Amino acid sequence: MRAPIAIIMGSQSDWETMRHAADTLDELGLACERLIVSAHRTPERLFAFAKGAKAAGFKIIIAGAGGAAHLPGMTASLTELPVFGVPIETKSLSGVDSLYSIVQMPAGIPVGTLAIGKAGAVNAALLAAAILGNKHAGIREALKKFRAEQTDRVMAQPDPSVSGIAIPFKDSQKGKRR
């Protein structure tokens, strides 16, 4: 069976943000495919991917995009699947341009828009898991465990002057919780 979630992004540089969605899904035991699908540089790939995503077995698409950020909206216009848009933080406008582009979809073409950057990528993964968890008890239990562990870490060390406890996901480069 194909991974139920596709993580797409407009360029290689977007991976720095979108890897947090992949890491979170991995922590929950959910498979995902990761693809560069640019709305501007590879429009034919975008059309083929979005039109074929449901038939390919995907259930949810997480699309990260910066700047003009057309990828989530264009993807949503070409598929019946839920699309979550993650605005990538940009140097010129700190991701606000991306946020506005993704959140301002016309009525009838919804894109679930998340926060700018890493928090948005993590939350897109958690939202995807919550939706899939409605039908799959194993996913629901993994999400429940994730949230309980997050709460336990905060309860174990509520003092904000002690660093390294309250953030609920792994740093994939260091291999430990931070």
N, C-alpha and C. Protein backbone atom coordinates (compact mmCIF):
# COMPACT_ATOMS: atom_id res chain seq x y z
N MET A 1 0.83 -1.19 0.00
CA MET A 1 0.00 0.00 0.00
C MET A 1 0.88 1.25 0.00
N ARG A 2 0.49 2.22 -0.76
CA ARG A 2 1.22 3.48 -0.85
C ARG A 2 1.04 4.27 0.46
N ALA A 3 2.01 5.11 0.77
CA ALA A 3 1.91 5.98 1.95
C ALA A 3 0.64 6.81 1.83
N PRO A 4 -0.10 7.02 2.94
CA PRO A 4 -1.35 7.75 2.85
C PRO A 4 -1.20 9.26 2.72
N ILE A 5 0.00 9.76 2.99
CA ILE A 5 0.21 11.21 3.00
C ILE A 5 1.34 11.58 2.05
N ALA A 6 1.09 12.58 1.24
CA ALA A 6 2.13 13.14 0.37
C ALA A 6 2.54 14.49 0.94
N ILE A 7 3.84 14.69 1.06
CA ILE A 7 4.38 16.00 1.43
C ILE A 7 5.04 16.55 0.18
N ILE A 8 4.49 17.64 -0.33
CA ILE A 8 5.05 18.24 -1.53
C ILE A 8 5.54 19.65 -1.21
N MET A 9 6.51 20.08 -1.98
CA MET A 9 7.07 21.41 -1.77
C MET A 9 7.58 21.94 -3.10
N GLY A 10 7.72 23.25 -3.17
CA GLY A 10 8.09 23.87 -4.42
C GLY A 10 9.56 23.79 -4.78
N SER A 11 10.43 23.61 -3.79
CA SER A 11 11.86 23.56 -4.08
C SER A 11 12.61 22.82 -2.98
N GLN A 12 13.85 22.46 -3.27
CA GLN A 12 14.70 21.76 -2.31
C GLN A 12 14.85 22.57 -1.02
N SER A 13 14.95 23.89 -1.13
CA SER A 13 15.15 24.71 0.06
C SER A 13 13.96 24.64 1.02
N ASP A 14 12.79 24.28 0.54
CA ASP A 14 11.60 24.15 1.39
C ASP A 14 11.70 22.95 2.33
N TRP A 15 12.59 22.01 2.01
CA TRP A 15 12.74 20.81 2.84
C TRP A 15 13.14 21.16 4.28
N GLU A 16 13.90 22.22 4.46
CA GLU A 16 14.33 22.62 5.80
C GLU A 16 13.11 22.81 6.72
N THR A 17 12.02 23.30 6.17
CA THR A 17 10.78 23.44 6.93
C THR A 17 9.95 22.16 6.88
N MET A 18 9.78 21.60 5.71
CA MET A 18 8.86 20.48 5.53
C MET A 18 9.36 19.18 6.15
N ARG A 19 10.65 19.09 6.43
CA ARG A 19 11.17 17.89 7.09
C ARG A 19 10.53 17.70 8.46
N HIS A 20 10.08 18.78 9.06
CA HIS A 20 9.44 18.68 10.37
C HIS A 20 8.09 17.97 10.28
N ALA A 21 7.41 18.11 9.17
CA ALA A 21 6.18 17.34 8.96
C ALA A 21 6.52 15.87 8.81
N ALA A 22 7.54 15.57 8.01
CA ALA A 22 7.96 14.18 7.81
C ALA A 22 8.44 13.55 9.11
N ASP A 23 9.22 14.29 9.90
CA ASP A 23 9.72 13.77 11.17
C ASP A 23 8.56 13.47 12.13
N THR A 24 7.58 14.35 12.16
CA THR A 24 6.43 14.15 13.05
C THR A 24 5.63 12.93 12.62
N LEU A 25 5.40 12.79 11.32
CA LEU A 25 4.68 11.61 10.83
C LEU A 25 5.46 10.34 11.15
N ASP A 26 6.78 10.41 11.00
CA ASP A 26 7.62 9.25 11.32
C ASP A 26 7.50 8.89 12.79
N GLU A 27 7.50 9.89 13.65
CA GLU A 27 7.36 9.65 15.09
C GLU A 27 6.02 8.98 15.41
N LEU A 28 5.00 9.28 14.61
CA LEU A 28 3.68 8.68 14.81
C LEU A 28 3.54 7.33 14.10
N GLY A 29 4.57 6.94 13.37
CA GLY A 29 4.52 5.67 12.65
C GLY A 29 3.75 5.74 11.35
N LEU A 30 3.60 6.94 10.79
CA LEU A 30 2.86 7.14 9.54
C LEU A 30 3.82 7.34 8.38
N ALA A 31 3.60 6.59 7.33
CA ALA A 31 4.44 6.73 6.13
C ALA A 31 4.01 7.95 5.33
N CYS A 32 4.97 8.52 4.63
CA CYS A 32 4.67 9.64 3.72
C CYS A 32 5.64 9.60 2.56
N GLU A 33 5.21 10.18 1.47
CA GLU A 33 6.11 10.38 0.33
C GLU A 33 6.45 11.85 0.28
N ARG A 34 7.68 12.14 -0.10
CA ARG A 34 8.17 13.51 -0.17
C ARG A 34 8.55 13.81 -1.62
N LEU A 35 8.02 14.90 -2.14
CA LEU A 35 8.25 15.23 -3.55
C LEU A 35 8.43 16.72 -3.75
N ILE A 36 9.32 17.08 -4.65
CA ILE A 36 9.40 18.47 -5.11
C ILE A 36 8.49 18.58 -6.32
N VAL A 37 7.49 19.44 -6.19
CA VAL A 37 6.50 19.64 -7.24
C VAL A 37 6.26 21.15 -7.32
N SER A 38 6.94 21.82 -8.18
CA SER A 38 6.84 23.27 -8.25
C SER A 38 5.69 23.72 -9.15
N ALA A 39 4.86 24.60 -8.63
CA ALA A 39 3.76 25.15 -9.43
C ALA A 39 4.29 25.99 -10.58
N HIS A 40 5.47 26.57 -10.41
CA HIS A 40 6.02 27.46 -11.43
C HIS A 40 7.05 26.81 -12.32
N ARG A 41 7.91 25.97 -11.76
CA ARG A 41 8.99 25.37 -12.56
C ARG A 41 8.63 24.02 -13.15
N THR A 42 7.69 23.32 -12.53
CA THR A 42 7.27 22.00 -13.05
C THR A 42 5.74 21.89 -13.05
N PRO A 43 5.06 22.78 -13.76
CA PRO A 43 3.59 22.76 -13.73
C PRO A 43 3.00 21.46 -14.25
N GLU A 44 3.62 20.83 -15.23
CA GLU A 44 3.08 19.56 -15.74
C GLU A 44 3.18 18.47 -14.68
N ARG A 45 4.27 18.46 -13.92
CA ARG A 45 4.40 17.50 -12.82
C ARG A 45 3.32 17.77 -11.78
N LEU A 46 3.07 19.04 -11.47
CA LEU A 46 2.01 19.39 -10.52
C LEU A 46 0.66 18.87 -10.99
N PHE A 47 0.32 19.12 -12.25
CA PHE A 47 -0.97 18.67 -12.78
C PHE A 47 -1.09 17.15 -12.70
N ALA A 48 -0.05 16.45 -13.13
CA ALA A 48 -0.07 14.99 -13.12
C ALA A 48 -0.18 14.46 -11.68
N PHE A 49 0.61 15.03 -10.78
CA PHE A 49 0.57 14.58 -9.39
C PHE A 49 -0.82 14.81 -8.79
N ALA A 50 -1.31 16.04 -8.85
CA ALA A 50 -2.58 16.38 -8.20
C ALA A 50 -3.76 15.62 -8.79
N LYS A 51 -3.81 15.51 -10.11
CA LYS A 51 -4.92 14.79 -10.74
C LYS A 51 -4.86 13.29 -10.46
N GLY A 52 -3.67 12.75 -10.23
CA GLY A 52 -3.52 11.33 -9.99
C GLY A 52 -3.35 10.93 -8.53
N ALA A 53 -3.34 11.90 -7.61
CA ALA A 53 -3.03 11.62 -6.21
C ALA A 53 -4.02 10.65 -5.56
N LYS A 54 -5.29 10.84 -5.79
CA LYS A 54 -6.30 9.96 -5.18
C LYS A 54 -6.16 8.54 -5.73
N ALA A 55 -6.06 8.43 -7.02
CA ALA A 55 -5.90 7.11 -7.65
C ALA A 55 -4.61 6.43 -7.21
N ALA A 56 -3.60 7.22 -6.88
CA ALA A 56 -2.33 6.68 -6.43
C ALA A 56 -2.39 6.20 -4.97
N GLY A 57 -3.49 6.48 -4.29
CA GLY A 57 -3.66 5.99 -2.93
C GLY A 57 -3.43 7.00 -1.83
N PHE A 58 -3.12 8.22 -2.18
CA PHE A 58 -2.95 9.23 -1.14
C PHE A 58 -4.31 9.60 -0.54
N LYS A 59 -4.29 9.96 0.73
CA LYS A 59 -5.50 10.38 1.43
C LYS A 59 -5.46 11.86 1.78
N ILE A 60 -4.25 12.38 1.99
CA ILE A 60 -4.05 13.78 2.39
C ILE A 60 -2.77 14.29 1.75
N ILE A 61 -2.79 15.57 1.36
CA ILE A 61 -1.60 16.21 0.80
C ILE A 61 -1.22 17.38 1.70
N ILE A 62 0.05 17.42 2.09
CA ILE A 62 0.61 18.55 2.82
C ILE A 62 1.52 19.27 1.83
N ALA A 63 1.22 20.53 1.55
CA ALA A 63 1.96 21.28 0.54
C ALA A 63 2.63 22.50 1.17
N GLY A 64 3.94 22.54 1.10
CA GLY A 64 4.69 23.69 1.61
C GLY A 64 5.12 24.58 0.46
N ALA A 65 4.98 25.88 0.66
CA ALA A 65 5.34 26.80 -0.42
C ALA A 65 5.71 28.16 0.16
N GLY A 66 6.69 28.81 -0.47
CA GLY A 66 7.11 30.13 -0.06
C GLY A 66 6.85 31.15 -1.15
N GLY A 67 7.01 32.41 -0.79
CA GLY A 67 6.84 33.49 -1.76
C GLY A 67 5.42 33.56 -2.30
N ALA A 68 5.28 33.45 -3.60
CA ALA A 68 3.96 33.50 -4.23
C ALA A 68 3.06 32.36 -3.75
N ALA A 69 3.66 31.25 -3.37
CA ALA A 69 3.00 30.13 -2.69
C ALA A 69 1.76 29.62 -3.41
N HIS A 70 1.87 29.37 -4.69
CA HIS A 70 0.72 28.87 -5.45
C HIS A 70 0.51 27.37 -5.33
N LEU A 71 1.50 26.64 -4.85
CA LEU A 71 1.42 25.18 -4.84
C LEU A 71 0.21 24.62 -4.08
N PRO A 72 -0.06 25.02 -2.85
CA PRO A 72 -1.21 24.43 -2.15
C PRO A 72 -2.54 24.70 -2.86
N GLY A 73 -2.75 25.92 -3.30
CA GLY A 73 -4.01 26.27 -3.96
C GLY A 73 -4.19 25.59 -5.30
N MET A 74 -3.14 25.57 -6.08
CA MET A 74 -3.22 24.88 -7.38
C MET A 74 -3.46 23.39 -7.17
N THR A 75 -2.80 22.80 -6.18
CA THR A 75 -3.01 21.39 -5.89
C THR A 75 -4.46 21.15 -5.50
N ALA A 76 -4.98 21.98 -4.61
CA ALA A 76 -6.37 21.84 -4.16
C ALA A 76 -7.36 21.98 -5.31
N SER A 77 -7.02 22.81 -6.29
CA SER A 77 -7.93 23.01 -7.41
C SER A 77 -7.97 21.80 -8.35
N LEU A 78 -7.01 20.91 -8.21
CA LEU A 78 -6.89 19.77 -9.12
C LEU A 78 -7.20 18.42 -8.48
N THR A 79 -7.53 18.41 -7.19
CA THR A 79 -7.80 17.14 -6.51
C THR A 79 -8.97 17.28 -5.55
N GLU A 80 -9.59 16.16 -5.23
CA GLU A 80 -10.67 16.13 -4.24
C GLU A 80 -10.11 15.91 -2.84
N LEU A 81 -8.84 15.57 -2.74
CA LEU A 81 -8.24 15.26 -1.45
C LEU A 81 -8.06 16.52 -0.60
N PRO A 82 -8.05 16.35 0.72
CA PRO A 82 -7.74 17.50 1.57
C PRO A 82 -6.29 17.93 1.35
N VAL A 83 -6.10 19.23 1.27
CA VAL A 83 -4.77 19.82 1.11
C VAL A 83 -4.52 20.77 2.26
N PHE A 84 -3.39 20.56 2.95
CA PHE A 84 -2.98 21.46 4.02
C PHE A 84 -1.80 22.27 3.52
N GLY A 85 -1.90 23.58 3.61
CA GLY A 85 -0.83 24.46 3.15
C GLY A 85 0.04 24.93 4.29
N VAL A 86 1.34 24.81 4.11
CA VAL A 86 2.31 25.28 5.10
C VAL A 86 3.11 26.43 4.46
N PRO A 87 2.91 27.65 4.94
CA PRO A 87 3.69 28.77 4.42
C PRO A 87 5.15 28.66 4.87
N ILE A 88 6.05 28.75 3.92
CA ILE A 88 7.48 28.70 4.21
C ILE A 88 7.95 30.11 4.57
N GLU A 89 8.73 30.20 5.62
CA GLU A 89 9.26 31.50 6.01
C GLU A 89 10.23 32.00 4.94
N THR A 90 10.02 33.19 4.46
CA THR A 90 10.87 33.77 3.42
C THR A 90 11.75 34.87 4.01
N LYS A 91 12.84 35.16 3.34
CA LYS A 91 13.74 36.20 3.81
C LYS A 91 13.14 37.59 3.64
N SER A 92 12.45 37.79 2.53
CA SER A 92 11.98 39.14 2.24
C SER A 92 10.81 39.58 3.11
N LEU A 93 9.86 38.69 3.36
CA LEU A 93 8.67 39.09 4.13
C LEU A 93 8.36 38.13 5.28
N SER A 94 9.33 37.35 5.69
CA SER A 94 9.21 36.44 6.85
C SER A 94 8.08 35.42 6.72
N GLY A 95 7.64 35.14 5.52
CA GLY A 95 6.60 34.14 5.31
C GLY A 95 5.19 34.70 5.30
N VAL A 96 5.04 35.98 5.60
CA VAL A 96 3.71 36.58 5.60
C VAL A 96 3.14 36.58 4.18
N ASP A 97 4.01 36.79 3.19
CA ASP A 97 3.56 36.73 1.80
C ASP A 97 3.02 35.34 1.47
N SER A 98 3.72 34.32 1.92
CA SER A 98 3.29 32.94 1.69
C SER A 98 1.97 32.66 2.40
N LEU A 99 1.87 33.10 3.63
CA LEU A 99 0.64 32.91 4.41
C LEU A 99 -0.55 33.54 3.70
N TYR A 100 -0.41 34.78 3.29
CA TYR A 100 -1.53 35.46 2.61
C TYR A 100 -1.91 34.75 1.31
N SER A 101 -0.91 34.30 0.58
CA SER A 101 -1.19 33.62 -0.68
C SER A 101 -1.97 32.33 -0.46
N ILE A 102 -1.61 31.57 0.57
CA ILE A 102 -2.26 30.29 0.82
C ILE A 102 -3.63 30.46 1.47
N VAL A 103 -3.73 31.38 2.40
CA VAL A 103 -4.97 31.52 3.16
C VAL A 103 -6.09 32.20 2.35
N GLN A 104 -5.75 32.96 1.33
CA GLN A 104 -6.74 33.71 0.56
C GLN A 104 -7.30 32.93 -0.63
N MET A 105 -7.72 31.71 -0.39
CA MET A 105 -8.31 30.91 -1.47
C MET A 105 -9.76 31.31 -1.68
N PRO A 106 -10.21 31.26 -2.93
CA PRO A 106 -11.61 31.61 -3.18
C PRO A 106 -12.54 30.52 -2.63
N ALA A 107 -13.76 30.91 -2.33
CA ALA A 107 -14.76 29.95 -1.85
C ALA A 107 -14.89 28.82 -2.86
N GLY A 108 -14.90 27.60 -2.37
CA GLY A 108 -15.05 26.44 -3.24
C GLY A 108 -13.76 25.67 -3.48
N ILE A 109 -12.62 26.27 -3.17
CA ILE A 109 -11.32 25.59 -3.31
C ILE A 109 -10.59 25.73 -1.97
N PRO A 110 -10.95 24.88 -0.99
CA PRO A 110 -10.36 25.04 0.34
C PRO A 110 -8.93 24.51 0.44
N VAL A 111 -8.14 25.24 1.20
CA VAL A 111 -6.81 24.80 1.61
C VAL A 111 -6.75 25.05 3.11
N GLY A 112 -6.51 24.00 3.89
CA GLY A 112 -6.35 24.18 5.33
C GLY A 112 -4.99 24.80 5.57
N THR A 113 -4.97 26.05 5.98
CA THR A 113 -3.71 26.79 6.10
C THR A 113 -3.21 26.75 7.54
N LEU A 114 -1.95 26.39 7.68
CA LEU A 114 -1.32 26.27 8.99
C LEU A 114 -0.39 27.46 9.24
N ALA A 115 0.28 27.45 10.36
CA ALA A 115 1.20 28.53 10.74
C ALA A 115 2.42 28.56 9.81
N ILE A 116 3.09 29.67 9.82
CA ILE A 116 4.31 29.84 9.04
C ILE A 116 5.43 28.99 9.64
N GLY A 117 6.14 28.27 8.79
CA GLY A 117 7.37 27.59 9.19
C GLY A 117 7.19 26.27 9.91
N LYS A 118 8.15 25.99 10.78
CA LYS A 118 8.26 24.70 11.47
C LYS A 118 6.97 24.33 12.22
N ALA A 119 6.39 25.26 12.96
CA ALA A 119 5.17 24.97 13.71
C ALA A 119 4.05 24.54 12.76
N GLY A 120 3.95 25.19 11.62
CA GLY A 120 2.93 24.82 10.64
C GLY A 120 3.16 23.44 10.07
N ALA A 121 4.42 23.10 9.82
CA ALA A 121 4.74 21.77 9.27
C ALA A 121 4.40 20.68 10.29
N VAL A 122 4.78 20.89 11.54
CA VAL A 122 4.47 19.92 12.59
C VAL A 122 2.94 19.78 12.74
N ASN A 123 2.26 20.90 12.79
CA ASN A 123 0.81 20.86 12.98
C ASN A 123 0.07 20.27 11.78
N ALA A 124 0.60 20.46 10.59
CA ALA A 124 -0.01 19.83 9.40
C ALA A 124 0.06 18.31 9.54
N ALA A 125 1.19 17.81 10.00
CA ALA A 125 1.34 16.36 10.21
C ALA A 125 0.38 15.87 11.28
N LEU A 126 0.27 16.61 12.37
CA LEU A 126 -0.64 16.20 13.45
C LEU A 126 -2.10 16.25 13.01
N LEU A 127 -2.44 17.24 12.22
CA LEU A 127 -3.81 17.34 11.70
C LEU A 127 -4.11 16.19 10.73
N ALA A 128 -3.16 15.86 9.88
CA ALA A 128 -3.33 14.73 8.97
C ALA A 128 -3.53 13.44 9.77
N ALA A 129 -2.73 13.26 10.81
CA ALA A 129 -2.86 12.07 11.65
C ALA A 129 -4.23 12.04 12.34
N ALA A 130 -4.70 13.17 12.81
CA ALA A 130 -6.00 13.22 13.48
C ALA A 130 -7.13 12.82 12.52
N ILE A 131 -7.04 13.28 11.29
CA ILE A 131 -8.06 12.93 10.30
C ILE A 131 -8.01 11.43 9.98
N LEU A 132 -6.82 10.92 9.71
CA LEU A 132 -6.69 9.50 9.41
C LEU A 132 -7.05 8.64 10.63
N GLY A 133 -6.81 9.17 11.82
CA GLY A 133 -7.13 8.46 13.04
C GLY A 133 -8.61 8.23 13.25
N ASN A 134 -9.44 8.99 12.56
CA ASN A 134 -10.89 8.77 12.65
C ASN A 134 -11.29 7.39 12.14
N LYS A 135 -10.52 6.85 11.20
CA LYS A 135 -10.82 5.54 10.62
C LYS A 135 -9.86 4.45 11.07
N HIS A 136 -8.73 4.83 11.61
CA HIS A 136 -7.69 3.85 11.94
C HIS A 136 -7.28 3.97 13.40
N ALA A 137 -7.65 2.97 14.19
CA ALA A 137 -7.40 3.00 15.63
C ALA A 137 -5.92 3.10 15.96
N GLY A 138 -5.06 2.46 15.20
CA GLY A 138 -3.62 2.52 15.47
C GLY A 138 -3.08 3.93 15.37
N ILE A 139 -3.53 4.68 14.38
CA ILE A 139 -3.10 6.07 14.21
C ILE A 139 -3.67 6.91 15.35
N ARG A 140 -4.92 6.69 15.66
CA ARG A 140 -5.56 7.42 16.76
C ARG A 140 -4.80 7.20 18.07
N GLU A 141 -4.40 5.97 18.34
CA GLU A 141 -3.66 5.66 19.57
C GLU A 141 -2.26 6.28 19.56
N ALA A 142 -1.60 6.29 18.40
CA ALA A 142 -0.28 6.91 18.31
C ALA A 142 -0.37 8.41 18.59
N LEU A 143 -1.40 9.05 18.08
CA LEU A 143 -1.60 10.48 18.30
C LEU A 143 -1.92 10.74 19.78
N LYS A 144 -2.74 9.89 20.35
CA LYS A 144 -3.08 10.01 21.77
C LYS A 144 -1.81 9.89 22.64
N LYS A 145 -0.96 8.93 22.30
CA LYS A 145 0.30 8.73 23.03
C LYS A 145 1.22 9.95 22.86
N PHE A 146 1.32 10.46 21.64
CA PHE A 146 2.14 11.64 21.36
C PHE A 146 1.71 12.81 22.26
N ARG A 147 0.40 13.03 22.31
CA ARG A 147 -0.12 14.15 23.10
C ARG A 147 0.10 13.93 24.60
N ALA A 148 -0.07 12.71 25.05
CA ALA A 148 0.14 12.41 26.47
C ALA A 148 1.60 12.63 26.84
N GLU A 149 2.52 12.19 25.97
CA GLU A 149 3.95 12.39 26.23
C GLU A 149 4.31 13.87 26.24
N GLN A 150 3.70 14.62 25.36
CA GLN A 150 3.91 16.07 25.30
C GLN A 150 3.48 16.70 26.63
N THR A 151 2.31 16.31 27.12
CA THR A 151 1.80 16.82 28.39
C THR A 151 2.70 16.40 29.55
N ASP A 152 3.12 15.15 29.54
CA ASP A 152 3.98 14.64 30.60
C ASP A 152 5.29 15.42 30.68
N ARG A 153 5.87 15.76 29.54
CA ARG A 153 7.13 16.51 29.55
C ARG A 153 6.94 17.89 30.15
N VAL A 154 5.83 18.53 29.84
CA VAL A 154 5.57 19.85 30.41
C VAL A 154 5.32 19.74 31.91
N MET A 155 4.55 18.75 32.31
CA MET A 155 4.25 18.56 33.72
C MET A 155 5.50 18.19 34.52
N ALA A 156 6.41 17.46 33.90
CA ALA A 156 7.63 17.04 34.59
C ALA A 156 8.57 18.22 34.84
N GLN A 157 8.50 19.25 34.00
CA GLN A 157 9.40 20.38 34.17
C GLN A 157 8.68 21.67 33.74
N PRO A 158 7.83 22.20 34.62
CA PRO A 158 7.10 23.42 34.26
C PRO A 158 7.91 24.70 34.36
N ASP A 159 9.14 24.61 34.86
CA ASP A 159 9.99 25.79 35.03
C ASP A 159 10.58 26.20 33.67
N PRO A 160 10.20 27.35 33.13
CA PRO A 160 10.68 27.75 31.80
C PRO A 160 12.16 28.09 31.75
N SER A 161 12.79 28.29 32.91
CA SER A 161 14.22 28.61 32.89
C SER A 161 15.09 27.37 32.66
N VAL A 162 14.47 26.19 32.74
CA VAL A 162 15.18 24.95 32.45
C VAL A 162 14.87 24.59 31.01
N SER A 163 15.87 24.66 30.14
CA SER A 163 15.62 24.44 28.72
C SER A 163 15.64 22.96 28.37
N GLY A 164 15.06 22.66 27.19
CA GLY A 164 15.19 21.33 26.62
C GLY A 164 14.12 20.33 27.00
N ILE A 165 13.00 20.77 27.56
CA ILE A 165 12.01 19.80 28.00
C ILE A 165 10.69 19.89 27.22
N ALA A 166 10.17 21.06 27.00
CA ALA A 166 8.77 21.20 26.61
C ALA A 166 8.45 21.05 25.13
N ILE A 167 9.42 21.02 24.24
CA ILE A 167 9.10 20.90 22.82
C ILE A 167 8.84 19.44 22.49
N PRO A 168 7.66 19.12 21.90
CA PRO A 168 7.21 17.73 21.80
C PRO A 168 7.71 16.91 20.63
N PHE A 169 8.73 17.30 19.92
CA PHE A 169 9.16 16.49 18.80
C PHE A 169 10.67 16.33 18.82
N LYS A 170 11.13 15.36 18.06
CA LYS A 170 12.55 15.04 18.02
C LYS A 170 13.28 15.94 17.05
N ASP A 171 14.50 16.24 17.38
CA ASP A 171 15.38 16.94 16.46
C ASP A 171 16.10 15.85 15.68
N SER A 172 15.73 15.68 14.42
CA SER A 172 16.25 14.56 13.64
C SER A 172 17.76 14.62 13.45
N GLN A 173 18.35 15.79 13.54
CA GLN A 173 19.78 15.88 13.32
C GLN A 173 20.56 15.47 14.56
N LYS A 174 19.97 15.63 15.73
CA LYS A 174 20.67 15.26 16.95
C LYS A 174 20.15 13.96 17.54
N GLY A 175 18.98 13.50 17.06
CA GLY A 175 18.44 12.22 17.48
C GLY A 175 17.93 12.21 18.92
N LYS A 176 17.64 13.37 19.46
CA LYS A 176 17.10 13.39 20.82
C LYS A 176 16.04 14.46 20.93
N ARG A 177 15.25 14.35 21.96
CA ARG A 177 14.22 15.36 22.19
C ARG A 177 14.88 16.64 22.67
N ARG A 178 14.28 17.73 22.28
CA ARG A 178 14.79 19.00 22.79
C ARG A 178 13.64 19.84 23.27
